Amino acid sequence: MPISVRHAKPLDTTPANARGARRTAYAVVLLLGFASSATLGGTGTQPAARPTDASAEETLWQRIATLHATPPTSQPFEQWFVTAQRRDALLRDQLRLYLTLYPGGQHRDEAIRIELANLFELGTLRGGDLAPLRARIAEILRAPPSPAAEEEAAYAELLCQPGEPGPPPPPTRQATTAPIRPLDIDLPAAYRRYIARYPRGRHVPRLATRLFEEAARHADREGMRAIAEHLGTHFPNHEETEMVLGTWNRLESVGRPFWAALRTIDERTLDTREYVGHPVLIVVWAGFDDAARQCVQRVEQFRCTYPDVRVIGVALDETADATRVAARALGIEWPQCNDGRGWGDEFTRNWGVRQVPFVFVIDRAGMLAGATGGDNWERLAAQALVQRAPPPDSGSASDGNP
């Protein structure tokens, strides 16, 4: 049976910038601007006398926070690279100073988290070396100053494993057609060990999502169910949980009645129950994505060849006007839906859509024949065409679909 999806808030639709092949969800975004000594309140040299009052600790922490939050700047790559290295090195020195002076300070765990991320940055920049990061991880794991620090070090240790691919594109990113890389053979076991040891850890949703995708790749339904239930229990309001549960519900809905009510950009409400007797394609696309535009054109050709087919578009463009312009340019007239929330669109969230184009195929009986990216929709649509229409009284709703 489908697992209930809980929506806490709309997803942030602002796209994030990827910076390198070894980039990870945990790693701090590489900030290019180099803070001046005046902005940082000094050069980072250790004071002669060890401060003991809370105000001195907070002053040092504010220096770290300012450096850590320095906004990026645009400049030629070589200068970008030099300033990035200088900034990361200075941040590392400030963090080392803080942890030396205030080993039990109120910002200790956050300092360790930033320190590990910083060492990862330094190790993965051109000519970098991960040996300092591995040494620091070993030091923390030998005598963890806190459970949070141990958890963070264990996660950093995962990132140092050969073949660690970094995060999948989250649903808040710009639409993509890139497939998700399979995990190297040893990583799933390492991920499972981490989740078993830190079941409520802040990195668990990301790792669990990767395991879910790996289980889906191998058609391991029990593995997928277990991960979905873990996330639903321990992280009910996390956006990764929402995506996993949506995907699970979509897979579980194949072969069941698929009733969707969608609001079009011209303020009409479409209910797929009204289309029983016709094959239906729901096309998730975006006018700014070339692959999605090509898919829309193929769908239009298919619709013209088989007029019995009904098509609904769910567009992830920023505005309804952008969708109108794209649809007009492509010469399509079928209904378009766009609630202005991009990847936060309710339909994509409910059904775990992670890429465009993505096509849902509903047969004449109103059953979900399948949903897929790429060109596989054509095979499903061809099968839906030969499906016999249901008797006139069989178009009522069923409780088999969430």
Protein backbone atom coordinates (compact mmCIF):
# COMPACT_ATOMS: atom_id res chain seq x y z
CA MET A 1 0.00 0.00 0.00
CA PRO A 2 1.19 3.56 -0.59
CA ILE A 3 2.93 5.36 2.23
CA SER A 4 1.49 8.74 3.16
CA VAL A 5 3.45 11.82 2.11
CA ARG A 6 3.56 14.73 4.59
CA HIS A 7 4.20 18.17 3.17
CA ALA A 8 5.71 20.65 5.61
CA LYS A 9 6.37 23.59 3.31
CA PRO A 10 6.89 24.40 -0.37
CA LEU A 11 10.33 23.53 -1.63
CA ASP A 12 12.80 26.31 -2.29
CA THR A 13 13.02 26.59 -6.07
CA THR A 14 16.26 28.57 -6.19
CA PRO A 15 18.83 26.54 -8.17
CA ALA A 16 22.15 25.78 -6.45
CA ASN A 17 25.54 25.99 -8.20
CA ALA A 18 27.56 22.78 -8.60
CA ARG A 19 31.31 23.35 -8.33
CA GLY A 20 33.16 20.12 -8.95
CA ALA A 21 32.93 16.40 -9.53
CA ARG A 22 33.80 15.62 -5.91
CA ARG A 23 31.27 18.12 -4.53
CA THR A 24 29.08 16.76 -1.73
CA ALA A 25 25.86 17.83 -0.01
CA TYR A 26 27.79 18.20 3.21
CA ALA A 27 30.66 20.36 1.80
CA VAL A 28 30.47 24.10 2.32
CA VAL A 29 29.77 26.09 -0.86
CA LEU A 30 33.12 27.37 -2.09
CA LEU A 31 33.21 31.11 -1.47
CA LEU A 32 35.45 33.06 -3.76
CA GLY A 33 35.75 36.47 -2.10
CA PHE A 34 38.74 36.91 0.18
CA ALA A 35 37.88 38.94 3.29
CA SER A 36 40.27 41.78 4.03
CA SER A 37 42.07 42.03 7.36
CA ALA A 38 39.87 44.97 8.27
CA THR A 39 36.70 42.96 7.62
CA LEU A 40 38.01 40.01 9.59
CA GLY A 41 39.25 42.14 12.46
CA GLY A 42 42.89 41.14 12.06
CA THR A 43 45.15 38.61 10.37
CA GLY A 44 44.23 35.61 12.50
CA THR A 45 47.48 35.61 14.50
CA GLN A 46 47.07 34.05 17.97
CA PRO A 47 46.87 36.61 20.78
CA ALA A 48 49.66 36.71 23.31
CA ALA A 49 47.32 36.09 26.25
CA ARG A 50 44.61 33.47 26.25
CA PRO A 51 41.20 35.17 26.54
CA THR A 52 38.87 33.64 29.08
CA ASP A 53 35.66 35.65 28.94
CA ALA A 54 32.65 34.83 26.79
CA SER A 55 32.92 38.07 24.83
CA ALA A 56 36.40 37.12 23.57
CA GLU A 57 35.12 33.71 22.44
CA GLU A 58 32.20 35.33 20.67
CA THR A 59 34.47 37.87 18.98
CA LEU A 60 36.62 35.09 17.57
CA TRP A 61 33.58 33.13 16.48
CA GLN A 62 32.20 36.17 14.69
CA ARG A 63 35.46 36.39 12.75
CA ILE A 64 34.98 32.78 11.69
CA ALA A 65 31.32 33.34 10.83
CA THR A 66 32.18 36.41 8.74
CA LEU A 67 34.87 34.56 6.83
CA HIS A 68 32.67 31.52 6.40
CA ALA A 69 29.83 33.65 5.00
CA THR A 70 31.90 35.86 2.69
CA PRO A 71 29.90 36.13 -0.55
CA PRO A 72 31.43 34.84 -3.79
CA THR A 73 32.86 37.22 -6.37
CA SER A 74 33.26 36.97 -10.12
CA GLN A 75 36.79 37.02 -11.44
CA PRO A 76 39.09 35.09 -13.83
CA PHE A 77 39.49 31.44 -12.93
CA GLU A 78 43.12 31.59 -11.82
CA GLN A 79 42.39 34.45 -9.43
CA TRP A 80 39.24 32.62 -8.33
CA PHE A 81 41.35 29.60 -7.52
CA VAL A 82 44.02 31.56 -5.62
CA THR A 83 41.52 33.46 -3.50
CA ALA A 84 39.61 30.26 -2.78
CA GLN A 85 42.76 28.59 -1.47
CA ARG A 86 43.73 31.65 0.59
CA ARG A 87 40.26 31.95 2.06
CA ASP A 88 40.06 28.27 3.00
CA ALA A 89 43.53 28.34 4.55
CA LEU A 90 42.67 31.38 6.66
CA LEU A 91 39.39 29.85 7.73
CA ARG A 92 41.20 26.67 8.76
CA ASP A 93 43.64 28.69 10.91
CA GLN A 94 40.81 30.56 12.61
CA LEU A 95 38.94 27.33 13.33
CA ARG A 96 42.08 25.69 14.72
CA LEU A 97 42.59 28.70 16.98
CA TYR A 98 39.00 28.54 18.24
CA LEU A 99 39.16 24.81 19.01
CA THR A 100 42.50 25.26 20.78
CA LEU A 101 41.36 28.16 22.95
CA TYR A 102 37.81 26.92 23.58
CA PRO A 103 37.75 23.10 23.37
CA GLY A 104 34.43 23.12 25.22
CA GLY A 105 33.09 26.31 23.66
CA GLN A 106 29.46 26.76 22.79
CA HIS A 107 30.29 26.69 19.06
CA ARG A 108 32.55 23.64 19.27
CA ASP A 109 30.41 21.21 17.29
CA GLU A 110 29.69 23.76 14.58
CA ALA A 111 33.40 24.60 14.43
CA ILE A 112 34.25 20.92 13.91
CA ARG A 113 31.63 20.61 11.20
CA ILE A 114 33.02 23.64 9.34
CA GLU A 115 36.58 22.46 9.93
CA LEU A 116 35.92 19.09 8.32
CA ALA A 117 34.13 20.71 5.40
CA ASN A 118 37.02 23.16 5.05
CA LEU A 119 39.60 20.37 5.01
CA PHE A 120 37.51 18.62 2.38
CA GLU A 121 37.55 21.78 0.27
CA LEU A 122 41.30 22.16 0.61
CA GLY A 123 41.79 18.48 -0.21
CA THR A 124 39.68 18.54 -3.36
CA LEU A 125 40.89 21.81 -4.84
CA ARG A 126 43.45 21.40 -7.61
CA GLY A 127 46.63 19.94 -6.16
CA GLY A 128 44.96 19.29 -2.82
CA ASP A 129 45.49 16.35 -0.49
CA LEU A 130 42.89 14.58 1.65
CA ALA A 131 45.52 13.28 4.08
CA PRO A 132 44.99 16.16 6.58
CA LEU A 133 41.25 15.48 6.54
CA ARG A 134 41.75 11.77 7.13
CA ALA A 135 44.13 12.51 10.00
CA ARG A 136 41.64 14.88 11.62
CA ILE A 137 38.83 12.35 11.20
CA ALA A 138 40.91 9.68 12.93
CA GLU A 139 41.73 12.07 15.77
CA ILE A 140 38.06 12.90 16.38
CA LEU A 141 36.90 9.28 16.16
CA ARG A 142 39.58 8.15 18.66
CA ALA A 143 38.20 10.51 21.32
CA PRO A 144 34.97 12.18 20.16
CA PRO A 145 34.35 15.46 22.04
CA SER A 146 30.60 14.98 21.53
CA PRO A 147 28.14 12.64 19.78
CA ALA A 148 27.55 15.33 17.14
CA ALA A 149 31.27 15.60 16.40
CA GLU A 150 31.58 11.81 16.13
CA GLU A 151 28.66 11.68 13.71
CA GLU A 152 30.16 14.44 11.57
CA ALA A 153 33.57 12.76 11.48
CA ALA A 154 31.99 9.44 10.51
CA TYR A 155 30.21 11.14 7.66
CA ALA A 156 33.43 12.83 6.51
CA GLU A 157 35.06 9.41 6.57
CA LEU A 158 32.41 8.21 4.13
CA LEU A 159 33.23 11.08 1.80
CA CYS A 160 36.87 10.02 1.67
CA GLN A 161 36.05 6.58 0.35
CA PRO A 162 37.06 5.92 -3.27
CA GLY A 163 34.09 6.19 -5.59
CA GLU A 164 31.99 8.45 -3.37
CA PRO A 165 29.86 10.15 -6.02
CA GLY A 166 28.51 13.16 -4.14
CA PRO A 167 24.82 13.99 -3.84
CA PRO A 168 22.08 13.45 -6.40
CA PRO A 169 20.49 16.61 -7.75
CA PRO A 170 17.93 17.51 -5.13
CA PRO A 171 14.48 18.60 -6.14
CA THR A 172 15.34 22.22 -5.46
CA ARG A 173 17.81 22.35 -8.34
CA GLN A 174 17.18 23.44 -11.88
CA ALA A 175 15.56 20.76 -14.02
CA THR A 176 18.00 18.16 -15.28
CA THR A 177 18.06 15.23 -17.65
CA ALA A 178 21.28 13.73 -16.26
CA PRO A 179 20.93 10.19 -14.87
CA ILE A 180 21.96 9.53 -11.28
CA ARG A 181 25.26 7.64 -11.01
CA PRO A 182 25.08 4.16 -9.50
CA LEU A 183 26.96 3.70 -6.25
CA ASP A 184 30.28 1.89 -6.23
CA ILE A 185 29.96 -1.65 -4.95
CA ASP A 186 31.18 -1.01 -1.39
CA LEU A 187 29.35 2.24 -0.69
CA PRO A 188 25.83 0.88 -0.03
CA ALA A 189 27.13 -1.27 2.84
CA ALA A 190 28.99 1.72 4.27
CA TYR A 191 25.87 3.86 4.01
CA ARG A 192 23.79 1.21 5.76
CA ARG A 193 26.31 0.96 8.59
CA TYR A 194 26.25 4.72 9.04
CA ILE A 195 22.44 4.84 9.13
CA ALA A 196 22.31 1.96 11.61
CA ARG A 197 24.76 3.75 13.91
CA TYR A 198 23.24 7.24 13.54
CA PRO A 199 19.58 6.58 12.60
CA ARG A 200 18.54 10.19 13.28
CA GLY A 201 21.74 11.85 12.05
CA ARG A 202 21.42 14.95 9.92
CA HIS A 203 23.12 13.26 6.94
CA VAL A 204 20.84 10.21 7.00
CA PRO A 205 18.21 11.58 4.55
CA ARG A 206 20.84 12.13 1.87
CA LEU A 207 22.41 8.69 2.34
CA ALA A 208 19.05 6.95 2.61
CA THR A 209 17.94 8.58 -0.63
CA ARG A 210 21.00 7.20 -2.41
CA LEU A 211 20.25 3.74 -1.02
CA PHE A 212 16.63 4.07 -2.14
CA GLU A 213 17.75 4.92 -5.66
CA GLU A 214 20.15 1.99 -5.65
CA ALA A 215 17.39 -0.35 -4.46
CA ALA A 216 15.09 0.97 -7.22
CA ARG A 217 17.81 0.34 -9.79
CA HIS A 218 17.89 -3.31 -8.71
CA ALA A 219 14.09 -3.59 -8.33
CA ASP A 220 14.53 -4.30 -4.61
CA ARG A 221 11.03 -3.38 -3.45
CA GLU A 222 11.56 -4.54 0.13
CA GLY A 223 14.71 -2.45 0.40
CA MET A 224 12.86 0.56 -0.97
CA ARG A 225 9.99 0.07 1.45
CA ALA A 226 12.31 -0.18 4.45
CA ILE A 227 14.10 3.05 3.54
CA ALA A 228 10.84 4.89 2.87
CA GLU A 229 9.49 3.77 6.24
CA HIS A 230 12.70 4.83 8.04
CA LEU A 231 12.60 8.30 6.53
CA GLY A 232 8.86 8.64 7.10
CA THR A 233 9.32 7.73 10.77
CA HIS A 234 12.43 9.74 11.66
CA PHE A 235 12.38 12.59 9.11
CA PRO A 236 8.69 13.12 8.26
CA ASN A 237 9.12 16.76 7.19
CA HIS A 238 12.41 16.51 5.31
CA GLU A 239 12.35 17.31 1.58
CA GLU A 240 14.35 14.15 0.79
CA THR A 241 11.68 12.14 2.62
CA GLU A 242 9.00 13.81 0.57
CA MET A 243 10.77 12.87 -2.63
CA VAL A 244 11.38 9.26 -1.58
CA LEU A 245 7.78 8.75 -0.42
CA GLY A 246 6.47 10.35 -3.59
CA THR A 247 8.60 7.99 -5.69
CA TRP A 248 7.47 5.00 -3.63
CA ASN A 249 3.81 5.98 -3.99
CA ARG A 250 4.26 6.39 -7.75
CA LEU A 251 5.79 2.93 -8.12
CA GLU A 252 3.12 1.38 -5.93
CA SER A 253 0.40 3.06 -7.99
CA VAL A 254 1.30 1.32 -11.26
CA GLY A 255 -1.65 -0.85 -12.26
CA ARG A 256 -4.03 1.08 -10.00
CA PRO A 257 -6.51 3.89 -10.70
CA PHE A 258 -4.61 7.16 -11.04
CA TRP A 259 -6.86 10.12 -10.30
CA ALA A 260 -5.25 13.55 -10.49
CA ALA A 261 -6.94 16.94 -10.33
CA LEU A 262 -4.80 19.63 -11.95
CA ARG A 263 -5.28 23.40 -12.27
CA THR A 264 -4.38 24.82 -15.67
CA ILE A 265 -2.77 28.18 -16.39
CA ASP A 266 -6.11 29.41 -17.76
CA GLU A 267 -7.81 28.60 -14.43
CA ARG A 268 -9.54 25.38 -15.42
CA THR A 269 -9.56 22.25 -13.27
CA LEU A 270 -8.80 18.99 -15.06
CA ASP A 271 -9.67 15.67 -13.47
CA THR A 272 -8.22 12.57 -15.11
CA ARG A 273 -11.42 10.70 -14.24
CA GLU A 274 -13.09 12.69 -17.00
CA TYR A 275 -10.72 11.08 -19.51
CA VAL A 276 -11.57 7.44 -18.73
CA GLY A 277 -11.89 5.69 -22.09
CA HIS A 278 -8.91 7.58 -23.53
CA PRO A 279 -5.18 7.01 -23.05
CA VAL A 280 -3.75 9.98 -21.13
CA LEU A 281 -0.22 11.37 -21.02
CA ILE A 282 0.80 13.77 -18.25
CA VAL A 283 4.06 15.38 -19.38
CA VAL A 284 6.29 17.05 -16.79
CA TRP A 285 8.56 19.44 -18.68
CA ALA A 286 10.15 22.89 -18.70
CA GLY A 287 10.48 25.35 -21.54
CA PHE A 288 14.09 26.15 -20.60
CA ASP A 289 15.25 22.52 -20.95
CA ASP A 290 16.20 21.34 -24.45
CA ALA A 291 15.55 17.65 -23.80
CA ALA A 292 12.14 18.49 -22.35
CA ARG A 293 11.25 20.60 -25.39
CA GLN A 294 12.23 17.75 -27.70
CA CYS A 295 10.10 15.36 -25.68
CA VAL A 296 7.12 17.71 -25.88
CA GLN A 297 7.48 17.82 -29.66
CA ARG A 298 7.51 14.00 -29.86
CA VAL A 299 4.44 13.85 -27.62
CA GLU A 300 2.67 16.30 -29.92
CA GLN A 301 3.55 14.17 -32.94
CA PHE A 302 2.21 11.11 -31.10
CA ARG A 303 -1.01 12.95 -30.23
CA CYS A 304 -1.50 14.04 -33.84
CA THR A 305 -0.96 10.47 -35.02
CA TYR A 306 -3.40 9.10 -32.41
CA PRO A 307 -6.14 11.73 -31.83
CA ASP A 308 -7.72 9.48 -29.21
CA VAL A 309 -4.88 10.36 -26.82
CA ARG A 310 -5.35 13.14 -24.26
CA VAL A 311 -2.32 15.11 -23.08
CA ILE A 312 -1.79 17.40 -20.06
CA GLY A 313 1.40 19.36 -19.46
CA VAL A 314 2.85 20.09 -16.02
CA ALA A 315 5.44 22.81 -16.59
CA LEU A 316 8.19 23.78 -14.16
CA ASP A 317 8.94 27.20 -15.65
CA GLU A 318 9.12 30.14 -13.25
CA THR A 319 5.88 31.67 -14.48
CA ALA A 320 2.74 30.73 -16.36
CA ASP A 321 3.66 33.32 -19.01
CA ALA A 322 6.97 31.53 -19.62
CA THR A 323 5.05 28.31 -20.16
CA ARG A 324 2.64 30.02 -22.56
CA VAL A 325 5.55 31.39 -24.59
CA ALA A 326 7.31 28.00 -24.73
CA ALA A 327 4.11 26.14 -25.66
CA ARG A 328 3.33 28.65 -28.38
CA ALA A 329 6.85 28.36 -29.80
CA LEU A 330 6.52 24.56 -29.90
CA GLY A 331 3.07 24.70 -31.49
CA ILE A 332 1.25 22.76 -28.78
CA GLU A 333 -2.27 23.51 -27.64
CA TRP A 334 -2.97 20.88 -25.00
CA PRO A 335 -3.68 22.13 -21.46
CA GLN A 336 -0.73 23.33 -19.41
CA CYS A 337 -0.47 23.48 -15.62
CA ASN A 338 2.01 25.69 -13.78
CA ASP A 339 1.59 26.76 -10.17
CA GLY A 340 4.71 28.97 -10.25
CA ARG A 341 6.67 26.87 -7.75
CA GLY A 342 9.00 25.07 -10.14
CA TRP A 343 10.30 21.91 -8.48
CA GLY A 344 7.98 22.75 -5.59
CA ASP A 345 5.02 22.01 -7.85
CA GLU A 346 2.50 19.90 -5.95
CA PHE A 347 2.24 17.22 -8.63
CA THR A 348 6.01 16.69 -8.85
CA ARG A 349 6.30 16.55 -5.06
CA ASN A 350 3.42 14.10 -4.66
CA TRP A 351 4.82 11.70 -7.23
CA GLY A 352 8.58 11.94 -6.73
CA VAL A 353 9.51 13.52 -10.06
CA ARG A 354 13.25 14.30 -10.09
CA GLN A 355 13.95 15.07 -13.72
CA VAL A 356 12.47 16.48 -16.87
CA PRO A 357 11.13 15.31 -19.16
CA PHE A 358 9.02 12.80 -17.26
CA VAL A 359 5.84 11.24 -18.63
CA PHE A 360 2.97 9.52 -16.81
CA VAL A 361 0.96 7.12 -18.99
CA ILE A 362 -2.61 6.31 -17.98
CA ASP A 363 -4.50 3.64 -19.89
CA ARG A 364 -8.10 3.75 -21.08
CA ALA A 365 -9.33 2.27 -17.81
CA GLY A 366 -7.73 5.08 -15.80
CA MET A 367 -4.94 2.84 -14.50
CA LEU A 368 -1.38 4.09 -14.27
CA ALA A 369 0.52 2.11 -16.90
CA GLY A 370 3.82 3.61 -15.77
CA ALA A 371 5.85 6.80 -15.49
CA THR A 372 9.29 7.31 -16.93
CA GLY A 373 11.88 9.72 -18.21
CA GLY A 374 13.54 9.59 -21.60
CA ASP A 375 11.80 7.86 -24.50
CA ASN A 376 10.38 4.87 -22.64
CA TRP A 377 7.00 6.60 -22.48
CA GLU A 378 6.43 5.76 -26.17
CA ARG A 379 6.39 2.03 -25.45
CA LEU A 380 4.00 2.53 -22.53
CA ALA A 381 1.78 4.82 -24.59
CA ALA A 382 1.62 2.29 -27.44
CA GLN A 383 0.47 -0.36 -24.95
CA ALA A 384 -2.14 2.01 -23.51
CA LEU A 385 -3.55 2.56 -27.00
CA VAL A 386 -4.49 -1.09 -27.42
CA GLN A 387 -6.03 -1.29 -23.94
CA ARG A 388 -9.76 -1.85 -24.21
CA ALA A 389 -12.00 0.91 -22.93
CA PRO A 390 -13.79 0.08 -19.64
CA PRO A 391 -17.58 -0.37 -19.39
CA PRO A 392 -19.46 2.94 -18.95
CA ASP A 393 -20.01 2.43 -15.20
CA SER A 394 -16.37 1.67 -14.29
CA GLY A 395 -15.02 5.21 -14.18
CA SER A 396 -15.67 5.81 -10.49
CA ALA A 397 -12.85 6.61 -8.09
CA SER A 398 -11.00 3.88 -6.25
CA ASP A 399 -9.23 3.98 -2.90
CA GLY A 400 -6.21 2.22 -4.42
CA ASN A 401 -4.49 5.54 -5.15
CA PRO A 402 -3.31 7.98 -2.47
